Amino acid sequence: MKYLRFPHLPDNKVTHVLIDKRAYDKTVYLLEDLKINIIFCEKSNDVYEAISSHPDIFYFHYESNLIFAAPNSPKKTTSELFKLGFNIIFGEKGISKKYPEDIGYNLARIDKYIFHNFRFTDRIILNYIERDNLRKIHVNQGYTKCSILIVSNKAIITSDKKIYQKAIENNMDALLIVPGFIKLEGLSYGFIGGCGGLIDRDVLIFNGDISKHPDYSKIKEFLKKQKVECLCAEGFELSDIGSIIPLCQQ
């Protein structure tokens, strides 16, 4: 078992993932059939119900075995990450219900690039980013990781026009899809980044049926171009579960 060098970008078959405890059973079965161990993100009462067990709200995998966690991250989940050997560094501020007090850890790192609304990044995380001279890409969308589906170290899918533009400006291959058509209980809709994640260098998995999305043909062609295949919970509506986060690999 090895840690991923960069978050969300495995080099080999993934052995452990972190996901919302409310993921579809079919998604869980798919992962289990692939012999992937699952750490479930438990529910927190400190945020509103829709995101109460979203891992990308409470945790930011920075690199290798380093994860930043909100001080009030779910204790059981954090304990499981400790058991896997992760170095957990708690941020300065906890997560709370009122926006933007719930976005401090919702960054998207893609290789040496970090997308976020840096007005609200937790200060301790920001110190590491600046120490390591990572490329900061500021966007106004606070739910940044939720909004970005990482396909490779040079390719993303998003429904956010500004994120799309910033990705293109930074020489990334990006696909812009229509917003909506993704379930997020209690809210109008969720985001594509919150629906899935890579479970191998070239395999993406979705919580729900990606073929039901109105831009499926575009997504299919984009993934083909990136030489990435996808698995999904067929027959179920796409549902935002705060990302499927690969943690360890073969």
Protein backbone atom coordinates (compact mmCIF):
# COMPACT_ATOMS: atom_id res chain seq x y z
CA MET A 1 0.00 0.00 0.00
CA LYS A 2 1.27 3.46 -0.96
CA TYR A 3 -0.03 6.97 -0.49
CA LEU A 4 -0.94 9.06 -3.51
CA ARG A 5 1.76 11.61 -4.29
CA PHE A 6 -0.88 14.15 -5.30
CA PRO A 7 -4.52 14.13 -4.13
CA HIS A 8 -7.14 12.67 -6.46
CA LEU A 9 -4.46 11.44 -8.90
CA PRO A 10 -3.60 7.77 -8.35
CA ASP A 11 -0.80 6.16 -10.37
CA ASN A 12 -2.14 2.65 -9.82
CA LYS A 13 -5.24 0.82 -8.62
CA VAL A 14 -6.64 2.47 -5.50
CA THR A 15 -6.84 0.41 -2.30
CA HIS A 16 -8.67 2.88 -0.01
CA VAL A 17 -11.19 5.66 -0.58
CA LEU A 18 -12.96 8.21 1.60
CA ILE A 19 -16.65 8.77 0.83
CA ASP A 20 -19.87 10.08 2.31
CA LYS A 21 -21.70 7.46 4.38
CA ARG A 22 -24.79 8.28 2.27
CA ALA A 23 -23.27 7.05 -1.00
CA TYR A 24 -25.53 4.70 -2.92
CA ASP A 25 -25.29 1.06 -1.86
CA LYS A 26 -24.59 0.23 -5.49
CA THR A 27 -21.56 2.56 -5.46
CA VAL A 28 -20.34 0.89 -2.28
CA TYR A 29 -20.81 -2.58 -3.83
CA LEU A 30 -18.90 -1.52 -6.94
CA LEU A 31 -15.98 -0.38 -4.80
CA GLU A 32 -16.08 -3.50 -2.64
CA ASP A 33 -16.17 -5.75 -5.71
CA LEU A 34 -12.95 -4.05 -6.80
CA LYS A 35 -11.41 -4.88 -3.40
CA ILE A 36 -11.27 -1.21 -2.47
CA ASN A 37 -11.50 -0.49 1.25
CA ILE A 38 -13.90 2.28 2.24
CA ILE A 39 -13.64 4.86 4.99
CA PHE A 40 -17.02 6.49 5.47
CA CYS A 41 -17.26 10.13 6.41
CA GLU A 42 -19.60 10.32 9.37
CA LYS A 43 -22.25 12.98 9.87
CA SER A 44 -21.54 16.29 11.58
CA ASN A 45 -24.22 18.49 13.11
CA ASP A 46 -22.03 21.57 12.69
CA VAL A 47 -23.03 22.09 9.05
CA TYR A 48 -26.30 21.96 7.15
CA GLU A 49 -27.77 18.57 6.34
CA ALA A 50 -26.95 18.43 2.62
CA ILE A 51 -23.18 18.49 3.23
CA SER A 52 -23.13 17.04 6.75
CA SER A 53 -21.05 13.99 5.78
CA HIS A 54 -19.22 15.32 2.72
CA PRO A 55 -15.53 14.47 3.07
CA ASP A 56 -14.37 17.39 0.91
CA ILE A 57 -15.97 19.81 3.38
CA PHE A 58 -13.96 18.55 6.36
CA TYR A 59 -10.75 17.24 4.80
CA PHE A 60 -8.18 18.46 2.30
CA HIS A 61 -5.69 15.84 1.14
CA TYR A 62 -2.59 17.91 0.49
CA GLU A 63 -0.03 15.33 -0.62
CA SER A 64 1.26 11.85 0.20
CA ASN A 65 0.14 11.05 3.77
CA LEU A 66 -0.66 14.65 4.74
CA ILE A 67 -4.30 15.58 5.26
CA PHE A 68 -5.61 18.84 6.67
CA ALA A 69 -8.74 18.42 8.76
CA ALA A 70 -11.18 20.85 10.30
CA PRO A 71 -10.81 20.83 14.12
CA ASN A 72 -14.44 19.71 14.28
CA SER A 73 -14.15 17.03 11.61
CA PRO A 74 -16.05 13.82 12.44
CA LYS A 75 -14.00 12.09 15.15
CA LYS A 76 -14.59 8.52 14.02
CA THR A 77 -13.58 9.34 10.45
CA THR A 78 -10.47 11.23 11.52
CA SER A 79 -9.52 8.30 13.74
CA GLU A 80 -9.79 5.91 10.78
CA LEU A 81 -7.48 8.16 8.75
CA PHE A 82 -4.97 8.16 11.62
CA LYS A 83 -5.07 4.35 11.63
CA LEU A 84 -4.15 4.34 7.94
CA GLY A 85 -1.02 6.26 8.85
CA PHE A 86 -2.05 9.70 7.69
CA ASN A 87 -0.46 12.73 9.26
CA ILE A 88 -3.52 14.79 10.20
CA ILE A 89 -2.90 18.49 10.70
CA PHE A 90 -5.87 20.36 12.12
CA GLY A 91 -6.65 23.73 10.62
CA GLU A 92 -7.12 26.97 12.48
CA LYS A 93 -10.89 27.20 12.19
CA GLY A 94 -13.69 24.71 12.44
CA ILE A 95 -16.49 24.38 9.90
CA SER A 96 -19.86 25.97 10.59
CA LYS A 97 -23.22 26.28 8.89
CA LYS A 98 -23.06 29.79 7.50
CA TYR A 99 -21.33 30.33 4.16
CA PRO A 100 -18.39 31.02 3.77
CA GLU A 101 -17.56 29.41 7.12
CA ASP A 102 -17.98 25.98 5.51
CA ILE A 103 -15.52 26.25 2.61
CA GLY A 104 -12.11 26.61 4.25
CA TYR A 105 -11.03 23.06 3.34
CA ASN A 106 -12.83 22.67 0.00
CA LEU A 107 -9.76 23.22 -2.16
CA ALA A 108 -8.95 21.39 -5.38
CA ARG A 109 -5.31 20.47 -5.87
CA ILE A 110 -4.33 19.33 -9.35
CA ASP A 111 -0.62 18.51 -9.35
CA LYS A 112 1.13 21.82 -8.56
CA TYR A 113 -2.03 23.91 -9.00
CA ILE A 114 -4.49 24.81 -6.25
CA PHE A 115 -7.96 26.14 -7.08
CA HIS A 116 -9.89 27.92 -4.34
CA ASN A 117 -11.44 31.16 -3.18
CA PHE A 118 -8.34 32.20 -1.27
CA ARG A 119 -10.18 34.84 0.73
CA PHE A 120 -11.54 31.99 2.82
CA THR A 121 -8.84 29.30 2.76
CA ASP A 122 -7.91 28.10 6.23
CA ARG A 123 -4.79 30.02 7.23
CA ILE A 124 -2.75 26.94 8.16
CA ILE A 125 -3.37 25.37 4.75
CA LEU A 126 -2.52 28.66 3.06
CA ASN A 127 0.81 28.77 4.89
CA TYR A 128 1.75 25.36 3.46
CA ILE A 129 0.69 26.34 -0.05
CA GLU A 130 2.83 29.48 0.08
CA ARG A 131 5.75 27.64 1.70
CA ASP A 132 5.77 25.10 -1.12
CA ASN A 133 5.30 27.73 -3.85
CA LEU A 134 2.26 25.98 -5.30
CA ARG A 135 0.42 27.82 -8.06
CA LYS A 136 -2.66 29.49 -6.56
CA ILE A 137 -5.60 29.87 -8.93
CA HIS A 138 -8.22 32.09 -7.31
CA VAL A 139 -11.89 31.51 -8.16
CA ASN A 140 -15.00 32.96 -6.58
CA GLN A 141 -16.69 29.57 -6.22
CA GLY A 142 -16.11 28.63 -2.60
CA TYR A 143 -17.22 25.02 -3.08
CA THR A 144 -14.25 24.57 -5.34
CA LYS A 145 -13.54 20.85 -5.06
CA CYS A 146 -17.24 20.11 -5.30
CA SER A 147 -17.25 21.98 -8.60
CA ILE A 148 -14.21 20.27 -10.15
CA LEU A 149 -14.09 16.67 -11.32
CA ILE A 150 -10.40 15.84 -11.67
CA VAL A 151 -9.83 13.57 -14.67
CA SER A 152 -6.04 13.76 -14.90
CA ASN A 153 -3.21 16.09 -13.89
CA LYS A 154 -4.10 18.22 -16.90
CA ALA A 155 -7.85 17.72 -17.34
CA ILE A 156 -11.02 18.63 -15.44
CA ILE A 157 -14.79 18.72 -15.90
CA THR A 158 -16.83 21.55 -14.36
CA SER A 159 -20.10 23.44 -14.72
CA ASP A 160 -18.54 26.66 -13.40
CA LYS A 161 -17.64 29.06 -16.22
CA LYS A 162 -14.98 30.93 -14.24
CA ILE A 163 -13.25 27.73 -13.14
CA TYR A 164 -13.37 26.55 -16.75
CA GLN A 165 -11.78 29.79 -17.97
CA LYS A 166 -9.05 29.67 -15.33
CA ALA A 167 -8.25 26.06 -16.23
CA ILE A 168 -7.93 26.93 -19.92
CA GLU A 169 -5.75 29.94 -19.08
CA ASN A 170 -3.43 27.57 -17.20
CA ASN A 171 -3.10 25.20 -20.14
CA MET A 172 -5.43 22.54 -18.80
CA ASP A 173 -7.86 20.58 -20.90
CA ALA A 174 -11.32 21.39 -19.54
CA LEU A 175 -14.89 20.46 -20.33
CA LEU A 176 -17.70 22.86 -19.43
CA ILE A 177 -21.05 21.16 -18.80
CA VAL A 178 -24.47 22.53 -17.97
CA PRO A 179 -25.14 23.12 -14.28
CA GLY A 180 -27.73 21.06 -12.44
CA PHE A 181 -29.05 17.54 -13.03
CA ILE A 182 -27.17 16.32 -9.95
CA LYS A 183 -29.00 15.55 -6.73
CA LEU A 184 -28.07 17.22 -3.45
CA GLU A 185 -30.76 16.73 -0.81
CA GLY A 186 -32.30 19.99 0.40
CA LEU A 187 -30.72 22.13 -2.32
CA SER A 188 -31.53 22.86 -5.95
CA TYR A 189 -28.65 20.79 -7.26
CA GLY A 190 -25.16 19.50 -6.57
CA PHE A 191 -21.89 19.55 -8.49
CA ILE A 192 -20.07 17.19 -10.83
CA GLY A 193 -16.90 17.13 -8.73
CA GLY A 194 -18.87 15.86 -5.77
CA CYS A 195 -20.17 12.88 -7.75
CA GLY A 196 -17.00 10.98 -8.45
CA GLY A 197 -13.30 10.36 -8.35
CA LEU A 198 -10.47 8.35 -9.87
CA ILE A 199 -9.92 4.82 -8.55
CA ASP A 200 -7.03 4.10 -10.90
CA ARG A 201 -4.88 6.20 -13.19
CA ASP A 202 -7.43 5.76 -15.97
CA VAL A 203 -10.66 4.72 -14.21
CA LEU A 204 -13.25 7.15 -12.88
CA ILE A 205 -16.24 6.15 -10.77
CA PHE A 206 -19.51 8.05 -10.35
CA ASN A 207 -22.11 7.91 -7.59
CA GLY A 208 -25.05 7.57 -9.92
CA ASP A 209 -25.61 7.02 -13.63
CA ILE A 210 -23.51 9.41 -15.68
CA SER A 211 -25.43 8.44 -18.83
CA LYS A 212 -28.47 10.26 -17.40
CA HIS A 213 -26.68 13.61 -17.55
CA PRO A 214 -27.79 15.79 -20.51
CA ASP A 215 -24.14 16.38 -21.47
CA TYR A 216 -23.27 12.70 -21.33
CA SER A 217 -22.17 12.53 -24.96
CA LYS A 218 -19.70 15.39 -24.37
CA ILE A 219 -18.48 13.81 -21.14
CA LYS A 220 -18.05 10.44 -22.84
CA GLU A 221 -16.00 11.95 -25.66
CA PHE A 222 -13.90 14.00 -23.25
CA LEU A 223 -13.08 10.95 -21.14
CA LYS A 224 -12.25 8.98 -24.29
CA LYS A 225 -9.87 11.76 -25.32
CA GLN A 226 -8.20 11.53 -21.89
CA LYS A 227 -8.10 7.72 -22.17
CA VAL A 228 -10.15 7.39 -19.01
CA GLU A 229 -12.95 4.85 -18.63
CA CYS A 230 -15.79 5.22 -16.19
CA LEU A 231 -17.84 3.06 -13.88
CA CYS A 232 -21.10 4.18 -12.32
CA ALA A 233 -24.09 3.18 -10.26
CA GLU A 234 -26.37 2.51 -13.22
CA GLY A 235 -30.03 3.42 -12.93
CA PHE A 236 -29.54 5.94 -10.13
CA GLU A 237 -29.69 9.71 -10.37
CA LEU A 238 -26.27 11.36 -10.11
CA SER A 239 -25.78 12.44 -6.51
CA ASP A 240 -23.23 14.81 -4.99
CA ILE A 241 -21.53 13.08 -2.04
CA GLY A 242 -18.62 15.45 -1.51
CA SER A 243 -16.25 13.60 -3.86
CA ILE A 244 -14.97 10.04 -3.94
CA ILE A 245 -11.49 10.63 -2.56
CA PRO A 246 -8.75 8.08 -3.32
CA LEU A 247 -6.39 7.76 -0.37
CA CYS A 248 -4.01 4.86 -0.99
CA GLN A 249 -2.94 2.76 -3.94
CA GLN A 250 -1.13 -0.45 -4.80
